[in-house]
Amino acid sequence: MNATSFEGAPGQGADATAALGRIVLLTTSHRVAPGLLSWPAWQVLHAADRVLCADGAHPQLPYLREAGIAVEEAAPTAQELVDACAGGGTVVVVATGEGEPHLTDGLARLAGSGRVRMPELELLPASYDLPGARLLDLVQVMDRIRAECPWSSRQTHEGLAKYGIEEAYELVEAIEAGDREELREELGDVLLQVVFHSRIAEEDQDAPFSIDDVAGGIVAKLIHRHPHVFGDETATTPEEVKEHWLRTKAVEKKRTSVTEGVPLGQPGLALASKLSSRVRTAGLEVPLPQGEGIGYDLLALAARAEAEGVDPEAALRAAARAYRDAIREVEGQSQT
């Protein structure tokens, strides 16, 4: 690297009365387009006596130079940087992706020694990550895995379908267990399924779509189904919100039956509860079918649970966990 030489820079003792100057460490986010910096950052850059960057390929450099800022490719030591500020100068260091830990550690050691008169030190974030910015990292990682991983590059929607079901159940388990750390992890696993399927969908020859199309679709749907938030309608209770949702959904789907859109492949109790909910919400009077066998008994129990605001699947899982604990207790007693 053709680093700018710092030889001959005035030392701290050259003029005891000289101003100590200022060192500004300028950080940027790779998740924000290069050149989109804050106004305070542009002010500091234009006013600086020297602007340094150790990485000659830093994505910000072309935009800084286009704005008339002379950037030197240099990687000074902490002492050299302090010396460069002697006489009251301001030196801006455009941080690389690692954040210049060697430089900041060196400055901290100098400041802690008590033997060096330190210039003013400032950390100035020039661009910030917006909420959700790490999703861009996930998309980039998924792109590389899809291209380079022997397993991931061969996966299909059909082959991944079972994992989507598994991850959804594990998410529900984490919620019911009240484990916050597990919840965070399982949400990530579910999110991975969305990004993975979207990445595969980009390669479809007939009807490709991307994660941006997926996100754009759900954004449009949410806005349309929340006219009380994004439009002129009013909703002050959860019931009114649900009414808005169902009305706009009915217009979107143009369904001829309340049973349309109910996946028949879901667990039986959940299926029975969903059908019962659709009937009740639509204000229909549909007697439960009568028949012999446990299936009809379970159907009636699921409908009753839904009418009472109880999720029959969650209730049964809770009872099953209690049964599991009882089994383990008996097993423990038999082993003593």
Protein backbone atom coordinates (compact mmCIF):
# COMPACT_ATOMS: atom_id res chain seq x y z
CA MET A 1 0.00 0.00 0.00
CA ASN A 2 1.31 3.44 -0.91
CA ALA A 3 0.65 5.01 2.47
CA THR A 4 1.28 8.69 3.00
CA SER A 5 4.44 9.21 5.02
CA PHE A 6 4.12 10.84 8.43
CA GLU A 7 7.86 11.52 8.83
CA GLY A 8 8.67 15.06 9.80
CA ALA A 9 5.30 15.71 11.41
CA PRO A 10 5.69 18.11 14.34
CA GLY A 11 5.99 16.44 17.74
CA GLN A 12 3.97 17.19 20.83
CA GLY A 13 6.87 19.09 22.42
CA ALA A 14 7.55 21.38 19.48
CA ASP A 15 5.32 24.10 20.81
CA ALA A 16 3.90 23.68 24.29
CA THR A 17 1.42 26.45 23.68
CA ALA A 18 0.08 25.07 20.40
CA ALA A 19 -3.46 23.82 20.25
CA LEU A 20 -3.72 20.07 20.53
CA GLY A 21 -6.04 19.61 17.56
CA ARG A 22 -8.75 17.08 16.89
CA ILE A 23 -8.97 13.48 15.68
CA VAL A 24 -12.29 12.38 14.19
CA LEU A 25 -12.97 8.70 13.51
CA LEU A 26 -15.65 8.66 10.81
CA THR A 27 -17.67 5.45 10.65
CA THR A 28 -20.10 4.45 7.91
CA SER A 29 -22.49 1.57 7.38
CA HIS A 30 -22.03 -0.72 4.39
CA ARG A 31 -25.80 -1.19 4.44
CA VAL A 32 -26.33 2.42 3.37
CA ALA A 33 -25.48 3.49 -0.16
CA PRO A 34 -22.01 5.11 -0.39
CA GLY A 35 -22.08 8.90 -0.44
CA LEU A 36 -25.24 9.17 1.65
CA LEU A 37 -23.62 10.75 4.69
CA SER A 38 -25.03 12.94 7.43
CA TRP A 39 -24.73 16.71 7.20
CA PRO A 40 -22.38 16.89 10.27
CA ALA A 41 -20.13 14.35 8.54
CA TRP A 42 -19.91 16.43 5.35
CA GLN A 43 -19.17 19.53 7.42
CA VAL A 44 -16.30 17.82 9.26
CA LEU A 45 -14.90 16.36 6.04
CA HIS A 46 -14.86 19.70 4.24
CA ALA A 47 -13.33 21.53 7.22
CA ALA A 48 -10.64 18.94 8.01
CA ASP A 49 -6.95 19.66 7.44
CA ARG A 50 -6.37 16.04 6.41
CA VAL A 51 -8.63 13.13 5.59
CA LEU A 52 -7.07 9.67 5.82
CA CYS A 53 -8.21 6.18 4.92
CA ALA A 54 -6.21 2.95 5.19
CA ASP A 55 -8.29 1.19 2.53
CA GLY A 56 -7.74 2.52 -0.95
CA ALA A 57 -10.77 0.54 -2.14
CA HIS A 58 -13.14 1.92 0.48
CA PRO A 59 -16.54 2.39 -1.22
CA GLN A 60 -16.89 5.94 0.14
CA LEU A 61 -13.70 7.27 -1.43
CA PRO A 62 -14.98 7.94 -4.99
CA TYR A 63 -17.89 9.95 -3.57
CA LEU A 64 -15.69 11.92 -1.19
CA ARG A 65 -13.28 12.81 -3.97
CA GLU A 66 -16.14 13.73 -6.27
CA ALA A 67 -17.24 16.17 -3.56
CA GLY A 68 -13.79 17.80 -3.67
CA ILE A 69 -12.34 16.18 -0.56
CA ALA A 70 -8.70 15.11 -0.84
CA VAL A 71 -8.38 11.69 0.78
CA GLU A 72 -4.92 10.30 1.55
CA GLU A 73 -4.39 6.55 1.57
CA ALA A 74 -2.58 6.18 4.88
CA ALA A 75 -2.50 3.96 7.95
CA PRO A 76 -0.72 6.00 10.65
CA THR A 77 0.06 4.72 14.11
CA ALA A 78 -1.67 6.31 17.07
CA GLN A 79 1.39 8.42 17.87
CA GLU A 80 1.76 9.57 14.27
CA LEU A 81 -1.88 10.59 14.23
CA VAL A 82 -1.50 12.56 17.45
CA ASP A 83 1.60 14.27 16.06
CA ALA A 84 -0.26 15.17 12.86
CA CYS A 85 -2.77 17.20 14.91
CA ALA A 86 -0.10 19.35 16.56
CA GLY A 87 -0.72 23.03 15.97
CA GLY A 88 -4.48 22.66 16.16
CA GLY A 89 -5.12 20.61 13.04
CA THR A 90 -8.14 18.39 12.49
CA VAL A 91 -7.50 14.94 11.05
CA VAL A 92 -10.40 12.77 9.94
CA VAL A 93 -9.89 9.02 9.68
CA VAL A 94 -12.43 7.27 7.46
CA ALA A 95 -12.78 3.95 9.24
CA THR A 96 -12.66 0.67 7.38
CA GLY A 97 -15.20 -2.08 7.92
CA GLU A 98 -13.35 -3.35 10.99
CA GLY A 99 -13.58 0.05 12.69
CA GLU A 100 -9.80 0.61 13.08
CA PRO A 101 -9.38 -1.35 16.35
CA HIS A 102 -5.56 -1.11 16.28
CA LEU A 103 -5.73 2.66 15.97
CA THR A 104 -8.37 3.15 18.66
CA ASP A 105 -6.56 0.77 21.01
CA GLY A 106 -3.33 2.68 20.42
CA LEU A 107 -4.99 6.01 21.14
CA ALA A 108 -6.50 4.59 24.32
CA ARG A 109 -3.05 3.43 25.48
CA LEU A 110 -1.54 6.84 24.79
CA ALA A 111 -4.35 8.61 26.64
CA GLY A 112 -4.07 6.22 29.56
CA SER A 113 -0.31 6.63 29.88
CA GLY A 114 -0.63 10.17 31.19
CA ARG A 115 2.58 11.12 29.36
CA VAL A 116 1.04 12.40 26.11
CA ARG A 117 -1.05 15.51 25.68
CA MET A 118 -3.93 14.18 23.63
CA PRO A 119 -5.95 16.01 20.98
CA GLU A 120 -9.71 15.98 21.16
CA LEU A 121 -10.99 12.55 20.14
CA GLU A 122 -14.39 12.16 18.48
CA LEU A 123 -16.32 9.24 17.05
CA LEU A 124 -18.68 10.47 14.34
CA PRO A 125 -21.13 8.02 12.74
CA ALA A 126 -21.60 9.35 9.22
CA SER A 127 -24.38 6.92 8.29
CA TYR A 128 -26.66 4.80 10.40
CA ASP A 129 -28.37 1.47 9.92
CA LEU A 130 -32.13 1.81 9.63
CA PRO A 131 -34.32 -0.76 11.45
CA GLY A 132 -34.22 -3.98 9.47
CA ALA A 133 -30.86 -3.21 7.86
CA ARG A 134 -29.41 -6.56 8.91
CA LEU A 135 -31.94 -8.20 6.59
CA LEU A 136 -29.71 -6.99 3.75
CA ASP A 137 -26.88 -9.03 5.24
CA LEU A 138 -29.13 -12.09 5.33
CA VAL A 139 -30.03 -11.67 1.67
CA GLN A 140 -26.35 -11.35 0.70
CA VAL A 141 -25.36 -14.39 2.77
CA MET A 142 -28.17 -16.41 1.22
CA ASP A 143 -27.06 -15.40 -2.28
CA ARG A 144 -23.57 -16.71 -1.62
CA ILE A 145 -24.75 -19.92 0.03
CA ARG A 146 -27.11 -20.63 -2.87
CA ALA A 147 -24.26 -20.15 -5.32
CA GLU A 148 -21.46 -21.97 -3.48
CA CYS A 149 -22.91 -24.56 -1.06
CA PRO A 150 -23.26 -28.06 -2.63
CA TRP A 151 -26.37 -28.80 -0.53
CA SER A 152 -28.14 -25.44 -0.66
CA SER A 153 -27.57 -24.99 -4.39
CA ARG A 154 -29.62 -28.14 -5.10
CA GLN A 155 -32.61 -27.41 -2.89
CA THR A 156 -36.13 -26.87 -4.26
CA HIS A 157 -39.36 -25.50 -2.83
CA GLU A 158 -40.68 -29.04 -2.54
CA GLY A 159 -37.57 -30.31 -0.77
CA LEU A 160 -37.61 -27.49 1.76
CA ALA A 161 -41.35 -27.68 2.52
CA LYS A 162 -40.93 -30.05 5.48
CA TYR A 163 -38.42 -27.71 7.11
CA GLY A 164 -40.91 -24.86 6.99
CA ILE A 165 -43.38 -26.99 8.95
CA GLU A 166 -40.72 -28.08 11.44
CA GLU A 167 -39.47 -24.54 12.04
CA ALA A 168 -43.02 -23.25 12.55
CA TYR A 169 -43.67 -25.89 15.20
CA GLU A 170 -40.38 -25.14 16.92
CA LEU A 171 -41.33 -21.45 16.97
CA VAL A 172 -44.66 -22.28 18.60
CA GLU A 173 -42.88 -24.45 21.16
CA ALA A 174 -40.50 -21.61 22.05
CA ILE A 175 -43.45 -19.23 22.49
CA GLU A 176 -45.34 -21.64 24.71
CA ALA A 177 -42.21 -22.39 26.76
CA GLY A 178 -41.61 -18.68 27.34
CA ASP A 179 -37.94 -19.02 26.36
CA ARG A 180 -36.87 -15.62 25.00
CA GLU A 181 -33.51 -16.75 23.67
CA GLU A 182 -35.07 -19.75 21.97
CA LEU A 183 -37.80 -17.51 20.55
CA ARG A 184 -35.23 -15.21 18.96
CA GLU A 185 -33.41 -18.16 17.42
CA GLU A 186 -36.54 -19.84 16.10
CA LEU A 187 -37.78 -16.60 14.55
CA GLY A 188 -34.46 -16.50 12.70
CA ASP A 189 -34.97 -20.05 11.47
CA VAL A 190 -38.44 -19.19 10.17
CA LEU A 191 -37.06 -16.06 8.50
CA LEU A 192 -34.39 -18.18 6.84
CA GLN A 193 -37.10 -20.30 5.23
CA VAL A 194 -38.69 -17.18 3.71
CA VAL A 195 -35.38 -15.88 2.36
CA PHE A 196 -34.32 -19.32 1.10
CA HIS A 197 -37.56 -19.91 -0.81
CA SER A 198 -37.40 -16.39 -2.24
CA ARG A 199 -33.85 -16.96 -3.44
CA ILE A 200 -34.87 -20.20 -5.14
CA ALA A 201 -37.84 -18.42 -6.73
CA GLU A 202 -35.50 -15.97 -8.47
CA GLU A 203 -34.24 -18.82 -10.66
CA ASP A 204 -37.65 -19.87 -11.97
CA GLN A 205 -37.72 -19.57 -15.75
CA ASP A 206 -41.45 -18.91 -16.08
CA ALA A 207 -42.49 -16.85 -13.05
CA PRO A 208 -39.47 -15.61 -11.08
CA PHE A 209 -39.80 -13.37 -8.04
CA SER A 210 -37.42 -12.10 -5.38
CA ILE A 211 -37.42 -11.31 -1.68
CA ASP A 212 -38.21 -7.71 -2.66
CA ASP A 213 -41.35 -8.90 -4.44
CA VAL A 214 -42.33 -10.91 -1.36
CA ALA A 215 -41.77 -7.94 0.96
CA GLY A 216 -43.49 -5.54 -1.44
CA GLY A 217 -46.53 -7.78 -1.63
CA ILE A 218 -47.00 -8.06 2.12
CA VAL A 219 -46.42 -4.31 2.57
CA ALA A 220 -49.16 -3.54 0.04
CA LYS A 221 -51.47 -6.06 1.70
CA LEU A 222 -50.92 -4.66 5.19
CA ILE A 223 -51.57 -1.10 4.05
CA HIS A 224 -54.72 -2.09 2.19
CA ARG A 225 -56.06 -4.10 5.12
CA HIS A 226 -55.41 -1.36 7.66
CA PRO A 227 -57.46 1.58 6.33
CA HIS A 228 -57.85 2.75 9.94
CA VAL A 229 -54.06 3.27 10.05
CA PHE A 230 -53.19 4.31 6.50
CA GLY A 231 -56.56 5.61 5.31
CA ASP A 232 -59.60 7.53 6.44
CA GLU A 233 -61.52 4.78 8.24
CA THR A 234 -61.72 4.53 12.02
CA ALA A 235 -61.26 1.55 14.30
CA THR A 236 -61.06 1.85 18.07
CA THR A 237 -61.46 -1.79 19.13
CA PRO A 238 -59.85 -5.08 18.07
CA GLU A 239 -63.26 -6.22 16.84
CA GLU A 240 -63.51 -3.27 14.46
CA VAL A 241 -59.99 -3.94 13.20
CA LYS A 242 -60.90 -7.55 12.48
CA GLU A 243 -64.03 -6.39 10.67
CA HIS A 244 -61.91 -4.12 8.42
CA TRP A 245 -59.50 -6.98 7.78
CA LEU A 246 -62.15 -9.50 6.84
CA ARG A 247 -64.02 -7.05 4.62
CA THR A 248 -60.98 -6.03 2.61
CA LYS A 249 -59.78 -9.62 2.45
CA ALA A 250 -63.12 -10.74 1.05
CA VAL A 251 -62.90 -8.10 -1.68
CA GLU A 252 -59.31 -9.13 -2.53
CA LYS A 253 -59.96 -12.86 -2.67
CA LYS A 254 -63.44 -12.75 -4.25
CA ARG A 255 -64.29 -15.98 -2.46
CA THR A 256 -67.62 -17.70 -2.90
CA SER A 257 -67.34 -19.73 0.31
CA VAL A 258 -65.98 -19.05 3.79
CA THR A 259 -64.13 -22.36 3.52
CA GLU A 260 -61.92 -21.13 0.68
CA GLY A 261 -58.35 -20.55 1.74
CA VAL A 262 -58.53 -22.92 4.72
CA PRO A 263 -55.66 -25.42 4.24
CA LEU A 264 -57.02 -28.93 4.72
CA GLY A 265 -53.54 -30.31 5.40
CA GLN A 266 -53.18 -28.60 8.78
CA PRO A 267 -53.59 -30.53 12.05
CA GLY A 268 -57.14 -31.73 12.63
CA LEU A 269 -57.96 -29.68 15.71
CA ALA A 270 -56.62 -26.52 14.06
CA LEU A 271 -58.63 -27.27 10.93
CA ALA A 272 -61.85 -27.79 12.89
CA SER A 273 -61.23 -24.61 14.89
CA LYS A 274 -60.56 -22.57 11.75
CA LEU A 275 -63.73 -23.76 10.03
CA SER A 276 -65.73 -22.99 13.17
CA SER A 277 -64.19 -19.51 13.32
CA ARG A 278 -65.06 -18.81 9.67
CA VAL A 279 -68.68 -19.89 10.26
CA ARG A 280 -69.05 -17.82 13.43
CA THR A 281 -67.43 -14.70 11.92
CA ALA A 282 -69.67 -14.91 8.85
CA GLY A 283 -72.77 -15.16 11.06
CA LEU A 284 -73.82 -18.47 9.52
CA GLU A 285 -75.93 -21.04 11.30
CA VAL A 286 -74.37 -24.39 10.42
CA PRO A 287 -75.12 -27.30 12.75
CA LEU A 288 -72.20 -29.61 13.46
CA PRO A 289 -72.51 -32.89 11.57
CA GLN A 290 -73.57 -35.77 13.76
CA GLY A 291 -71.90 -39.11 13.54
CA GLU A 292 -70.36 -41.96 15.49
CA GLY A 293 -66.75 -42.01 16.52
CA ILE A 294 -64.06 -39.97 18.20
CA GLY A 295 -63.65 -37.71 15.16
CA TYR A 296 -67.08 -36.14 15.61
CA ASP A 297 -66.47 -35.80 19.36
CA LEU A 298 -63.21 -33.98 18.68
CA LEU A 299 -64.90 -31.75 16.11
CA ALA A 300 -67.47 -30.71 18.70
CA LEU A 301 -64.74 -30.06 21.30
CA ALA A 302 -62.73 -27.97 18.82
CA ALA A 303 -65.81 -25.90 17.90
CA ARG A 304 -66.59 -25.35 21.57
CA ALA A 305 -63.02 -24.29 22.31
CA GLU A 306 -63.02 -21.81 19.43
CA ALA A 307 -66.32 -20.31 20.58
CA GLU A 308 -64.80 -19.84 24.06
CA GLY A 309 -61.69 -18.17 22.63
CA VAL A 310 -59.42 -21.15 23.30
CA ASP A 311 -56.93 -22.53 20.78
CA PRO A 312 -57.63 -26.29 20.91
CA GLU A 313 -54.21 -27.18 19.54
CA ALA A 314 -52.44 -25.10 22.21
CA ALA A 315 -54.71 -26.49 24.91
CA LEU A 316 -54.01 -30.06 23.85
CA ARG A 317 -50.26 -29.41 23.69
CA ALA A 318 -50.36 -27.99 27.23
CA ALA A 319 -52.20 -31.06 28.44
CA ALA A 320 -49.75 -33.29 26.58
CA ARG A 321 -46.80 -31.57 28.26
CA ALA A 322 -48.42 -32.19 31.63
CA TYR A 323 -48.82 -35.83 30.62
CA ARG A 324 -45.16 -35.97 29.60
CA ASP A 325 -44.10 -34.59 32.98
CA ALA A 326 -46.25 -37.17 34.73
CA ILE A 327 -44.63 -39.96 32.68
CA ARG A 328 -41.15 -38.73 33.61
CA GLU A 329 -42.13 -38.57 37.26
CA VAL A 330 -43.29 -42.18 37.23
CA GLU A 331 -40.14 -43.21 35.34
CA GLY A 332 -38.02 -41.45 37.95
CA GLN A 333 -39.81 -43.22 40.77
CA SER A 334 -39.33 -46.62 39.14
CA GLN A 335 -35.58 -46.02 38.84
CA THR A 336 -35.08 -45.24 42.54
